[in-house]
Amino acid sequence: MIDNWKALDRIEQAERETPFCICGQPTSAAVRPDGIWLECVSLREPDISRIGRLRSALTAGGHARRLIIEQVADAA
């Protein structure tokens, strides 16, 4: 089990290593059911304009997204 200080350190280190996605948007930590991910903010806030949708379609596979902390199921 990872403690809060180690988790915070991993998140901050990931954000320092990859502050921006290749598309130019910033990255940030996101909590998902399977863990905490560092990902491009455009994955959470998609651009609804035609140009924005085209750009997203062309760069969908290249956006920054990596697992920082894996969710560990609590033993009951």
Protein backbone atom coordinates (compact mmCIF):
# COMPACT_ATOMS: atom_id res chain seq x y z
CA MET A 1 0.00 0.00 0.00
CA ILE A 2 1.37 3.42 -0.94
CA ASP A 3 1.18 6.19 1.65
CA ASN A 4 -0.08 9.69 0.90
CA TRP A 5 3.37 11.30 0.80
CA LYS A 6 4.71 8.76 -1.69
CA ALA A 7 1.60 9.17 -3.83
CA LEU A 8 1.96 12.95 -3.82
CA ASP A 9 5.65 12.65 -4.69
CA ARG A 10 4.89 10.36 -7.66
CA ILE A 11 2.19 12.71 -8.95
CA GLU A 12 4.41 15.79 -8.66
CA GLN A 13 7.33 13.99 -10.32
CA ALA A 14 5.13 12.87 -13.23
CA GLU A 15 3.82 16.41 -13.71
CA ARG A 16 7.39 17.80 -13.69
CA GLU A 17 8.58 15.20 -16.21
CA THR A 18 5.65 15.72 -18.61
CA PRO A 19 4.07 19.15 -18.10
CA PHE A 20 2.66 19.28 -21.64
CA CYS A 21 1.23 16.85 -24.16
CA ILE A 22 2.58 16.74 -27.71
CA CYS A 23 -0.59 18.57 -28.79
CA GLY A 24 0.47 21.57 -26.68
CA GLN A 25 -2.14 21.18 -23.95
CA PRO A 26 -1.05 20.84 -20.31
CA THR A 27 -1.17 17.52 -18.48
CA SER A 28 -2.66 16.87 -15.07
CA ALA A 29 -3.39 14.00 -12.71
CA ALA A 30 -6.79 12.34 -13.05
CA VAL A 31 -8.36 9.84 -10.68
CA ARG A 32 -9.89 6.85 -12.45
CA PRO A 33 -11.30 3.59 -11.04
CA ASP A 34 -8.09 1.74 -11.95
CA GLY A 35 -5.71 4.34 -10.48
CA ILE A 36 -4.27 7.82 -10.91
CA TRP A 37 -3.23 8.77 -14.42
CA LEU A 38 -1.24 11.65 -15.85
CA GLU A 39 -3.11 12.69 -18.97
CA CYS A 40 -3.63 15.48 -21.46
CA VAL A 41 -6.40 17.80 -20.30
CA SER A 42 -7.92 17.66 -23.78
CA LEU A 43 -8.96 14.06 -23.06
CA ARG A 44 -11.26 15.33 -20.30
CA GLU A 45 -12.42 18.55 -21.95
CA PRO A 46 -12.87 17.78 -25.64
CA ASP A 47 -13.09 20.68 -28.08
CA ILE A 48 -16.53 20.61 -29.72
CA SER A 49 -15.63 22.83 -32.67
CA ARG A 50 -15.11 21.21 -36.07
CA ILE A 51 -11.41 22.03 -36.07
CA GLY A 52 -11.07 20.78 -32.49
CA ARG A 53 -12.76 17.47 -33.32
CA LEU A 54 -10.54 17.04 -36.39
CA ARG A 55 -7.39 17.78 -34.35
CA SER A 56 -8.52 15.29 -31.67
CA ALA A 57 -9.18 12.61 -34.26
CA LEU A 58 -5.76 13.09 -35.85
CA THR A 59 -3.84 13.08 -32.56
CA ALA A 60 -5.99 10.68 -30.49
CA GLY A 61 -3.30 8.01 -30.20
CA GLY A 62 -0.57 10.47 -29.33
CA HIS A 63 -2.03 12.27 -26.32
CA ALA A 64 -0.12 11.92 -23.06
CA ARG A 65 -1.71 9.30 -20.82
CA ARG A 66 0.19 7.10 -18.39
CA LEU A 67 -0.55 5.35 -15.14
CA ILE A 68 1.11 6.96 -12.13
CA ILE A 69 -0.40 4.97 -9.26
CA GLU A 70 -2.23 1.69 -9.74
CA GLN A 71 -5.38 1.16 -7.67
CA VAL A 72 -4.90 -1.63 -5.20
CA ALA A 73 -8.04 -3.32 -3.93
CA ASP A 74 -8.41 -3.06 -0.16
CA ALA A 75 -8.35 -6.39 1.62
CA ALA A 76 -11.62 -6.82 3.48
